[in-house]
Amino acid sequence: MQLLFFHGTFCPPCVSTQKAAQQYATEVGVPLYTFRCDDVYGGNDMARQNHVRHIPCLILKDDKGNELARTECAHTPETLHQSFDAALKGGETK
């Protein structure tokens, strides 16, 4: 499993979400990979490959690279648990 985090340096919700994502990844033991997307709409390859439309964006992927869950809004560690824990355990997410 891996958690991808797309963010912008100009985005206050991204700053708070990055701290939450780091805490969440540590709690659940999933590596967190961060990608700066200041140009999310115009040329960031990773954002385009992952169909990122809004930031902050977090995407949980399995070991084969399949997307299990995604969220595109500001989060706290608690709301990240709500968003991703079911997918981590093999269940469906919203």
PDB file of N, CA and C in Angstrom:
ATOM      1  N   MET A   1       0.844  -1.177   0.000  1.00  0.00           N
ATOM      2  CA  MET A   1       0.000   0.000   0.000  1.00  0.00           C
ATOM      3  C   MET A   1       0.886   1.236   0.000  1.00  0.00           C
ATOM      4  N   GLN A   2       0.333   2.290  -0.561  1.00  0.00           N
ATOM      5  CA  GLN A   2       1.004   3.585  -0.537  1.00  0.00           C
ATOM      6  C   GLN A   2      -0.045   4.681  -0.572  1.00  0.00           C
ATOM      7  N   LEU A   3       0.289   5.801   0.033  1.00  0.00           N
ATOM      8  CA  LEU A   3      -0.594   6.957   0.060  1.00  0.00           C
ATOM      9  C   LEU A   3       0.094   8.086  -0.695  1.00  0.00           C
ATOM     10  N   LEU A   4      -0.561   8.574  -1.727  1.00  0.00           N
ATOM     11  CA  LEU A   4      -0.030   9.685  -2.525  1.00  0.00           C
ATOM     12  C   LEU A   4      -0.728  10.965  -2.085  1.00  0.00           C
ATOM     13  N   PHE A   5       0.052  12.013  -1.894  1.00  0.00           N
ATOM     14  CA  PHE A   5      -0.492  13.305  -1.469  1.00  0.00           C
ATOM     15  C   PHE A   5      -0.076  14.370  -2.468  1.00  0.00           C
ATOM     16  N   PHE A   6      -1.050  14.971  -3.110  1.00  0.00           N
ATOM     17  CA  PHE A   6      -0.829  16.051  -4.073  1.00  0.00           C
ATOM     18  C   PHE A   6      -1.227  17.357  -3.406  1.00  0.00           C
ATOM     19  N   HIS A   7      -0.335  18.334  -3.450  1.00  0.00           N
ATOM     20  CA  HIS A   7      -0.577  19.592  -2.731  1.00  0.00           C
ATOM     21  C   HIS A   7       0.036  20.763  -3.479  1.00  0.00           C
ATOM     22  N   GLY A   8      -0.357  21.952  -3.057  1.00  0.00           N
ATOM     23  CA  GLY A   8       0.212  23.181  -3.593  1.00  0.00           C
ATOM     24  C   GLY A   8       0.832  23.991  -2.478  1.00  0.00           C
ATOM     25  N   THR A   9       1.944  24.655  -2.759  1.00  0.00           N
ATOM     26  CA  THR A   9       2.595  25.467  -1.736  1.00  0.00           C
ATOM     27  C   THR A   9       1.798  26.724  -1.412  1.00  0.00           C
ATOM     28  N   PHE A  10       0.919  27.115  -2.303  1.00  0.00           N
ATOM     29  CA  PHE A  10       0.095  28.317  -2.133  1.00  0.00           C
ATOM     30  C   PHE A  10      -1.209  28.024  -1.400  1.00  0.00           C
ATOM     31  N   CYS A  11      -1.451  26.784  -1.003  1.00  0.00           N
ATOM     32  CA  CYS A  11      -2.755  26.299  -0.542  1.00  0.00           C
ATOM     33  C   CYS A  11      -2.756  26.045   0.966  1.00  0.00           C
ATOM     34  N   PRO A  12      -3.373  26.937   1.786  1.00  0.00           N
ATOM     35  CA  PRO A  12      -3.413  26.712   3.228  1.00  0.00           C
ATOM     36  C   PRO A  12      -4.038  25.375   3.638  1.00  0.00           C
ATOM     37  N   PRO A  13      -5.143  24.919   3.010  1.00  0.00           N
ATOM     38  CA  PRO A  13      -5.662  23.599   3.387  1.00  0.00           C
ATOM     39  C   PRO A  13      -4.661  22.462   3.121  1.00  0.00           C
ATOM     40  N   CYS A  14      -3.816  22.645   2.114  1.00  0.00           N
ATOM     41  CA  CYS A  14      -2.809  21.628   1.812  1.00  0.00           C
ATOM     42  C   CYS A  14      -1.793  21.507   2.935  1.00  0.00           C
ATOM     43  N   VAL A  15      -1.420  22.631   3.532  1.00  0.00           N
ATOM     44  CA  VAL A  15      -0.433  22.624   4.614  1.00  0.00           C
ATOM     45  C   VAL A  15      -0.960  21.835   5.808  1.00  0.00           C
ATOM     46  N   SER A  16      -2.197  22.107   6.212  1.00  0.00           N
ATOM     47  CA  SER A  16      -2.758  21.387   7.358  1.00  0.00           C
ATOM     48  C   SER A  16      -3.003  19.920   7.013  1.00  0.00           C
ATOM     49  N   THR A  17      -3.416  19.646   5.789  1.00  0.00           N
ATOM     50  CA  THR A  17      -3.664  18.272   5.381  1.00  0.00           C
ATOM     51  C   THR A  17      -2.358  17.482   5.304  1.00  0.00           C
ATOM     52  N   GLN A  18      -1.261  18.121   4.919  1.00  0.00           N
ATOM     53  CA  GLN A  18       0.010  17.407   4.858  1.00  0.00           C
ATOM     54  C   GLN A  18       0.414  16.907   6.239  1.00  0.00           C
ATOM     55  N   LYS A  19       0.233  17.731   7.246  1.00  0.00           N
ATOM     56  CA  LYS A  19       0.548  17.298   8.613  1.00  0.00           C
ATOM     57  C   LYS A  19      -0.342  16.126   9.017  1.00  0.00           C
ATOM     58  N   ALA A  20      -1.617  16.206   8.682  1.00  0.00           N
ATOM     59  CA  ALA A  20      -2.551  15.124   8.996  1.00  0.00           C
ATOM     60  C   ALA A  20      -2.186  13.856   8.240  1.00  0.00           C
ATOM     61  N   ALA A  21      -1.799  13.991   6.978  1.00  0.00           N
ATOM     62  CA  ALA A  21      -1.434  12.828   6.158  1.00  0.00           C
ATOM     63  C   ALA A  21      -0.179  12.156   6.714  1.00  0.00           C
ATOM     64  N   GLN A  22       0.789  12.950   7.155  1.00  0.00           N
ATOM     65  CA  GLN A  22       2.001  12.379   7.739  1.00  0.00           C
ATOM     66  C   GLN A  22       1.668  11.595   9.003  1.00  0.00           C
ATOM     67  N   GLN A  23       0.822  12.156   9.845  1.00  0.00           N
ATOM     68  CA  GLN A  23       0.426  11.484  11.079  1.00  0.00           C
ATOM     69  C   GLN A  23      -0.340  10.205  10.759  1.00  0.00           C
ATOM     70  N   TYR A  24      -1.286  10.290   9.828  1.00  0.00           N
ATOM     71  CA  TYR A  24      -2.089   9.129   9.455  1.00  0.00           C
ATOM     72  C   TYR A  24      -1.207   8.008   8.899  1.00  0.00           C
ATOM     73  N   ALA A  25      -0.310   8.345   7.976  1.00  0.00           N
ATOM     74  CA  ALA A  25       0.561   7.338   7.364  1.00  0.00           C
ATOM     75  C   ALA A  25       1.407   6.635   8.423  1.00  0.00           C
ATOM     76  N   THR A  26       1.897   7.383   9.396  1.00  0.00           N
ATOM     77  CA  THR A  26       2.678   6.795  10.483  1.00  0.00           C
ATOM     78  C   THR A  26       1.809   5.862  11.322  1.00  0.00           C
ATOM     79  N   GLU A  27       0.593   6.303  11.624  1.00  0.00           N
ATOM     80  CA  GLU A  27      -0.303   5.495  12.459  1.00  0.00           C
ATOM     81  C   GLU A  27      -0.656   4.163  11.814  1.00  0.00           C
ATOM     82  N   VAL A  28      -0.881   4.161  10.510  1.00  0.00           N
ATOM     83  CA  VAL A  28      -1.323   2.931   9.838  1.00  0.00           C
ATOM     84  C   VAL A  28      -0.180   2.174   9.172  1.00  0.00           C
ATOM     85  N   GLY A  29       1.019   2.743   9.169  1.00  0.00           N
ATOM     86  CA  GLY A  29       2.175   2.060   8.612  1.00  0.00           C
ATOM     87  C   GLY A  29       2.204   1.985   7.097  1.00  0.00           C
ATOM     88  N   VAL A  30       1.728   3.044   6.452  1.00  0.00           N
ATOM     89  CA  VAL A  30       1.719   3.110   4.990  1.00  0.00           C
ATOM     90  C   VAL A  30       2.670   4.225   4.557  1.00  0.00           C
ATOM     91  N   PRO A  31       3.535   3.968   3.567  1.00  0.00           N
ATOM     92  CA  PRO A  31       4.415   5.050   3.115  1.00  0.00           C
ATOM     93  C   PRO A  31       3.630   6.183   2.451  1.00  0.00           C
ATOM     94  N   LEU A  32       4.056   7.406   2.728  1.00  0.00           N
ATOM     95  CA  LEU A  32       3.428   8.600   2.165  1.00  0.00           C
ATOM     96  C   LEU A  32       4.384   9.216   1.152  1.00  0.00           C
ATOM     97  N   TYR A  33       3.877   9.446  -0.055  1.00  0.00           N
ATOM     98  CA  TYR A  33       4.645  10.095  -1.108  1.00  0.00           C
ATOM     99  C   TYR A  33       3.963  11.420  -1.426  1.00  0.00           C
ATOM    100  N   THR A  34       4.710  12.510  -1.380  1.00  0.00           N
ATOM    101  CA  THR A  34       4.131  13.833  -1.617  1.00  0.00           C
ATOM    102  C   THR A  34       4.591  14.380  -2.962  1.00  0.00           C
ATOM    103  N   PHE A  35       3.664  15.073  -3.617  1.00  0.00           N
ATOM    104  CA  PHE A  35       3.917  15.668  -4.928  1.00  0.00           C
ATOM    105  C   PHE A  35       3.410  17.098  -4.925  1.00  0.00           C
ATOM    106  N   ARG A  36       4.313  18.042  -5.157  1.00  0.00           N
ATOM    107  CA  ARG A  36       3.900  19.452  -5.249  1.00  0.00           C
ATOM    108  C   ARG A  36       3.237  19.670  -6.596  1.00  0.00           C
ATOM    109  N   CYS A  37       2.065  20.252  -6.551  1.00  0.00           N
ATOM    110  CA  CYS A  37       1.271  20.441  -7.771  1.00  0.00           C
ATOM    111  C   CYS A  37       0.871  21.897  -7.927  1.00  0.00           C
ATOM    112  N   ASP A  38       1.824  22.795  -7.850  1.00  0.00           N
ATOM    113  CA  ASP A  38       1.491  24.204  -8.028  1.00  0.00           C
ATOM    114  C   ASP A  38       0.910  24.441  -9.409  1.00  0.00           C
ATOM    115  N   ASP A  39       1.199  23.540 -10.340  1.00  0.00           N
ATOM    116  CA  ASP A  39       0.693  23.648 -11.702  1.00  0.00           C
ATOM    117  C   ASP A  39      -0.213  22.451 -12.021  1.00  0.00           C
ATOM    118  N   VAL A  40      -1.093  22.100 -11.064  1.00  0.00           N
ATOM    119  CA  VAL A  40      -1.921  20.895 -11.201  1.00  0.00           C
ATOM    120  C   VAL A  40      -2.745  20.880 -12.481  1.00  0.00           C
ATOM    121  N   TYR A  41      -3.182  22.030 -12.949  1.00  0.00           N
ATOM    122  CA  TYR A  41      -4.054  22.056 -14.121  1.00  0.00           C
ATOM    123  C   TYR A  41      -3.292  22.159 -15.432  1.00  0.00           C
ATOM    124  N   GLY A  42      -1.989  22.471 -15.374  1.00  0.00           N
ATOM    125  CA  GLY A  42      -1.320  22.749 -16.622  1.00  0.00           C
ATOM    126  C   GLY A  42      -0.118  21.924 -16.981  1.00  0.00           C
ATOM    127  N   GLY A  43       0.301  20.955 -16.178  1.00  0.00           N
ATOM    128  CA  GLY A  43       1.456  20.234 -16.647  1.00  0.00           C
ATOM    129  C   GLY A  43       2.141  19.310 -15.667  1.00  0.00           C
ATOM    130  N   ASN A  44       1.613  19.061 -14.510  1.00  0.00           N
ATOM    131  CA  ASN A  44       2.243  18.150 -13.579  1.00  0.00           C
ATOM    132  C   ASN A  44       1.946  16.717 -14.014  1.00  0.00           C
ATOM    133  N   ASP A  45       2.986  15.996 -14.407  1.00  0.00           N
ATOM    134  CA  ASP A  45       2.810  14.646 -14.948  1.00  0.00           C
ATOM    135  C   ASP A  45       2.149  13.687 -13.960  1.00  0.00           C
ATOM    136  N   MET A  46       2.621  13.671 -12.710  1.00  0.00           N
ATOM    137  CA  MET A  46       2.037  12.749 -11.729  1.00  0.00           C
ATOM    138  C   MET A  46       0.578  13.079 -11.457  1.00  0.00           C
ATOM    139  N   ALA A  47       0.256  14.361 -11.391  1.00  0.00           N
ATOM    140  CA  ALA A  47      -1.137  14.752 -11.174  1.00  0.00           C
ATOM    141  C   ALA A  47      -1.998  14.305 -12.351  1.00  0.00           C
ATOM    142  N   ARG A  48      -1.489  14.484 -13.559  1.00  0.00           N
ATOM    143  CA  ARG A  48      -2.255  14.045 -14.741  1.00  0.00           C
ATOM    144  C   ARG A  48      -2.412  12.525 -14.762  1.00  0.00           C
ATOM    145  N   GLN A  49      -1.352  11.794 -14.469  1.00  0.00           N
ATOM    146  CA  GLN A  49      -1.421  10.332 -14.468  1.00  0.00           C
ATOM    147  C   GLN A  49      -2.433   9.809 -13.465  1.00  0.00           C
ATOM    148  N   ASN A  50      -2.621  10.548 -12.384  1.00  0.00           N
ATOM    149  CA  ASN A  50      -3.542  10.127 -11.336  1.00  0.00           C
ATOM    150  C   ASN A  50      -4.872  10.870 -11.379  1.00  0.00           C
ATOM    151  N   HIS A  51      -5.092  11.612 -12.448  1.00  0.00           N
ATOM    152  CA  HIS A  51      -6.368  12.315 -12.676  1.00  0.00           C
ATOM    153  C   HIS A  51      -6.743  13.231 -11.500  1.00  0.00           C
ATOM    154  N   VAL A  52      -5.751  13.959 -10.984  1.00  0.00           N
ATOM    155  CA  VAL A  52      -5.990  14.889  -9.883  1.00  0.00           C
ATOM    156  C   VAL A  52      -6.653  16.137 -10.444  1.00  0.00           C
ATOM    157  N   ARG A  53      -7.792  16.474  -9.891  1.00  0.00           N
ATOM    158  CA  ARG A  53      -8.546  17.644 -10.335  1.00  0.00           C
ATOM    159  C   ARG A  53      -8.518  18.787  -9.319  1.00  0.00           C
ATOM    160  N   HIS A  54      -8.387  18.431  -8.040  1.00  0.00           N
ATOM    161  CA  HIS A  54      -8.398  19.431  -6.967  1.00  0.00           C
ATOM    162  C   HIS A  54      -7.321  19.059  -5.954  1.00  0.00           C
ATOM    163  N   ILE A  55      -6.798  20.066  -5.292  1.00  0.00           N
ATOM    164  CA  ILE A  55      -5.854  19.827  -4.214  1.00  0.00           C
ATOM    165  C   ILE A  55      -6.400  20.451  -2.941  1.00  0.00           C
ATOM    166  N   PRO A  56      -6.084  19.908  -1.797  1.00  0.00           N
ATOM    167  CA  PRO A  56      -5.288  18.721  -1.557  1.00  0.00           C
ATOM    168  C   PRO A  56      -6.001  17.451  -2.029  1.00  0.00           C
ATOM    169  N   CYS A  57      -5.205  16.501  -2.493  1.00  0.00           N
ATOM    170  CA  CYS A  57      -5.731  15.224  -2.972  1.00  0.00           C
ATOM    171  C   CYS A  57      -4.887  14.104  -2.387  1.00  0.00           C
ATOM    172  N   LEU A  58      -5.550  13.136  -1.791  1.00  0.00           N
ATOM    173  CA  LEU A  58      -4.876  11.948  -1.273  1.00  0.00           C
ATOM    174  C   LEU A  58      -5.441  10.726  -1.971  1.00  0.00           C
ATOM    175  N   ILE A  59      -4.548   9.843  -2.418  1.00  0.00           N
ATOM    176  CA  ILE A  59      -4.955   8.635  -3.123  1.00  0.00           C
ATOM    177  C   ILE A  59      -4.274   7.449  -2.458  1.00  0.00           C
ATOM    178  N   LEU A  60      -5.067   6.469  -2.059  1.00  0.00           N
ATOM    179  CA  LEU A  60      -4.542   5.234  -1.492  1.00  0.00           C
ATOM    180  C   LEU A  60      -4.463   4.198  -2.605  1.00  0.00           C
ATOM    181  N   LYS A  61      -3.279   3.614  -2.792  1.00  0.00           N
ATOM    182  CA  LYS A  61      -3.076   2.604  -3.824  1.00  0.00           C
ATOM    183  C   LYS A  61      -2.578   1.309  -3.198  1.00  0.00           C
ATOM    184  N   ASP A  62      -2.945   0.200  -3.849  1.00  0.00           N
ATOM    185  CA  ASP A  62      -2.445  -1.086  -3.378  1.00  0.00           C
ATOM    186  C   ASP A  62      -1.048  -1.334  -3.932  1.00  0.00           C
ATOM    187  N   ASP A  63      -0.485  -2.490  -3.624  1.00  0.00           N
ATOM    188  CA  ASP A  63       0.891  -2.794  -4.031  1.00  0.00           C
ATOM    189  C   ASP A  63       1.062  -2.922  -5.541  1.00  0.00           C
ATOM    190  N   LYS A  64      -0.034  -3.117  -6.256  1.00  0.00           N
ATOM    191  CA  LYS A  64       0.029  -3.219  -7.714  1.00  0.00           C
ATOM    192  C   LYS A  64      -0.209  -1.874  -8.391  1.00  0.00           C
ATOM    193  N   GLY A  65      -0.474  -0.834  -7.599  1.00  0.00           N
ATOM    194  CA  GLY A  65      -0.704   0.497  -8.153  1.00  0.00           C
ATOM    195  C   GLY A  65      -2.155   0.794  -8.455  1.00  0.00           C
ATOM    196  N   ASN A  66      -3.068  -0.081  -8.040  1.00  0.00           N
ATOM    197  CA  ASN A  66      -4.497   0.160  -8.248  1.00  0.00           C
ATOM    198  C   ASN A  66      -5.032   1.123  -7.198  1.00  0.00           C
ATOM    199  N   GLU A  67      -5.828   2.074  -7.637  1.00  0.00           N
ATOM    200  CA  GLU A  67      -6.422   3.025  -6.701  1.00  0.00           C
ATOM    201  C   GLU A  67      -7.518   2.352  -5.889  1.00  0.00           C
ATOM    202  N   LEU A  68      -7.410   2.472  -4.571  1.00  0.00           N
ATOM    203  CA  LEU A  68      -8.403   1.906  -3.671  1.00  0.00           C
ATOM    204  C   LEU A  68      -9.373   2.950  -3.155  1.00  0.00           C
ATOM    205  N   ALA A  69      -8.870   4.156  -2.926  1.00  0.00           N
ATOM    206  CA  ALA A  69      -9.706   5.239  -2.398  1.00  0.00           C
ATOM    207  C   ALA A  69      -9.006   6.558  -2.666  1.00  0.00           C
ATOM    208  N   ARG A  70      -9.817   7.621  -2.696  1.00  0.00           N
ATOM    209  CA  ARG A  70      -9.289   8.957  -2.952  1.00  0.00           C
ATOM    210  C   ARG A  70     -10.172   9.965  -2.222  1.00  0.00           C
ATOM    211  N   THR A  71      -9.542  11.081  -1.888  1.00  0.00           N
ATOM    212  CA  THR A  71     -10.277  12.206  -1.332  1.00  0.00           C
ATOM    213  C   THR A  71      -9.604  13.491  -1.812  1.00  0.00           C
ATOM    214  N   GLU A  72     -10.420  14.493  -2.097  1.00  0.00           N
ATOM    215  CA  GLU A  72      -9.904  15.768  -2.598  1.00  0.00           C
ATOM    216  C   GLU A  72     -10.457  16.913  -1.758  1.00  0.00           C
ATOM    217  N   CYS A  73     -10.037  16.946  -0.494  1.00  0.00           N
ATOM    218  CA  CYS A  73     -10.442  18.036   0.397  1.00  0.00           C
ATOM    219  C   CYS A  73      -9.505  18.043   1.598  1.00  0.00           C
ATOM    220  N   ALA A  74      -9.603  19.064   2.410  1.00  0.00           N
ATOM    221  CA  ALA A  74      -8.769  19.176   3.606  1.00  0.00           C
ATOM    222  C   ALA A  74      -9.196  18.120   4.619  1.00  0.00           C
ATOM    223  N   HIS A  75      -8.208  17.628   5.383  1.00  0.00           N
ATOM    224  CA  HIS A  75      -8.479  16.557   6.338  1.00  0.00           C
ATOM    225  C   HIS A  75      -7.718  16.739   7.630  1.00  0.00           C
ATOM    226  N   THR A  76      -8.210  16.026   8.644  1.00  0.00           N
ATOM    227  CA  THR A  76      -7.519  15.813   9.908  1.00  0.00           C
ATOM    228  C   THR A  76      -7.159  14.327   9.954  1.00  0.00           C
ATOM    229  N   PRO A  77      -6.314  13.909  10.882  1.00  0.00           N
ATOM    230  CA  PRO A  77      -6.041  12.473  10.973  1.00  0.00           C
ATOM    231  C   PRO A  77      -7.316  11.644  11.176  1.00  0.00           C
ATOM    232  N   GLU A  78      -8.247  12.172  11.941  1.00  0.00           N
ATOM    233  CA  GLU A  78      -9.495  11.442  12.199  1.00  0.00           C
ATOM    234  C   GLU A  78     -10.315  11.253  10.922  1.00  0.00           C
ATOM    235  N   THR A  79     -10.413  12.292  10.105  1.00  0.00           N
ATOM    236  CA  THR A  79     -11.202  12.150   8.882  1.00  0.00           C
ATOM    237  C   THR A  79     -10.475  11.291   7.846  1.00  0.00           C
ATOM    238  N   LEU A  80      -9.156  11.236   7.917  1.00  0.00           N
ATOM    239  CA  LEU A  80      -8.428  10.325   7.031  1.00  0.00           C
ATOM    240  C   LEU A  80      -8.700   8.876   7.413  1.00  0.00           C
ATOM    241  N   HIS A  81      -8.808   8.606   8.700  1.00  0.00           N
ATOM    242  CA  HIS A  81      -9.192   7.253   9.130  1.00  0.00           C
ATOM    243  C   HIS A  81     -10.566   6.905   8.560  1.00  0.00           C
ATOM    244  N   GLN A  82     -11.500   7.835   8.618  1.00  0.00           N
ATOM    245  CA  GLN A  82     -12.840   7.601   8.078  1.00  0.00           C
ATOM    246  C   GLN A  82     -12.794   7.367   6.573  1.00  0.00           C
ATOM    247  N   SER A  83     -11.923   8.063   5.887  1.00  0.00           N
ATOM    248  CA  SER A  83     -11.850   7.977   4.433  1.00  0.00           C
ATOM    249  C   SER A  83     -11.130   6.729   3.926  1.00  0.00           C
ATOM    250  N   PHE A  84     -10.111   6.257   4.648  1.00  0.00           N
ATOM    251  CA  PHE A  84      -9.240   5.215   4.108  1.00  0.00           C
ATOM    252  C   PHE A  84      -9.191   3.898   4.868  1.00  0.00           C
ATOM    253  N   ASP A  85      -9.606   3.853   6.114  1.00  0.00           N
ATOM    254  CA  ASP A  85      -9.427   2.629   6.901  1.00  0.00           C
ATOM    255  C   ASP A  85     -10.148   1.420   6.305  1.00  0.00           C
ATOM    256  N   ALA A  86     -11.340   1.613   5.783  1.00  0.00           N
ATOM    257  CA  ALA A  86     -12.072   0.476   5.191  1.00  0.00           C
ATOM    258  C   ALA A  86     -11.287  -0.098   4.002  1.00  0.00           C
ATOM    259  N   ALA A  87     -10.712   0.754   3.173  1.00  0.00           N
ATOM    260  CA  ALA A  87      -9.934   0.279   2.027  1.00  0.00           C
ATOM    261  C   ALA A  87      -8.657  -0.425   2.484  1.00  0.00           C
ATOM    262  N   LEU A  88      -8.047   0.052   3.569  1.00  0.00           N
ATOM    263  CA  LEU A  88      -6.854  -0.598   4.100  1.00  0.00           C
ATOM    264  C   LEU A  88      -7.155  -2.011   4.570  1.00  0.00           C
ATOM    265  N   LYS A  89      -8.380  -2.206   5.047  1.00  0.00           N
ATOM    266  CA  LYS A  89      -8.783  -3.516   5.558  1.00  0.00           C
ATOM    267  C   LYS A  89      -9.433  -4.385   4.493  1.00  0.00           C
ATOM    268  N   GLY A  90      -9.434  -3.903   3.248  1.00  0.00           N
ATOM    269  CA  GLY A  90      -9.992  -4.694   2.161  1.00  0.00           C
ATOM    270  C   GLY A  90     -11.459  -4.484   1.891  1.00  0.00           C
ATOM    271  N   GLY A  91     -12.076  -3.512   2.557  1.00  0.00           N
ATOM    272  CA  GLY A  91     -13.482  -3.221   2.330  1.00  0.00           C
ATOM    273  C   GLY A  91     -13.671  -2.106   1.345  1.00  0.00           C
ATOM    274  N   GLU A  92     -14.904  -1.798   1.087  1.00  0.00           N
ATOM    275  CA  GLU A  92     -15.215  -0.720   0.140  1.00  0.00           C
ATOM    276  C   GLU A  92     -15.269   0.610   0.868  1.00  0.00           C
ATOM    277  N   THR A  93     -14.965   1.669   0.121  1.00  0.00           N
ATOM    278  CA  THR A  93     -15.078   3.033   0.654  1.00  0.00           C
ATOM    279  C   THR A  93     -16.238   3.723  -0.030  1.00  0.00           C
ATOM    280  N   LYS A  94     -16.547   4.902   0.480  1.00  0.00           N
ATOM    281  CA  LYS A  94     -17.657   5.682  -0.098  1.00  0.00           C
ATOM    282  C   LYS A  94     -17.407   6.048  -1.520  1.00  0.00           C
TER     283      LYS A  94
END
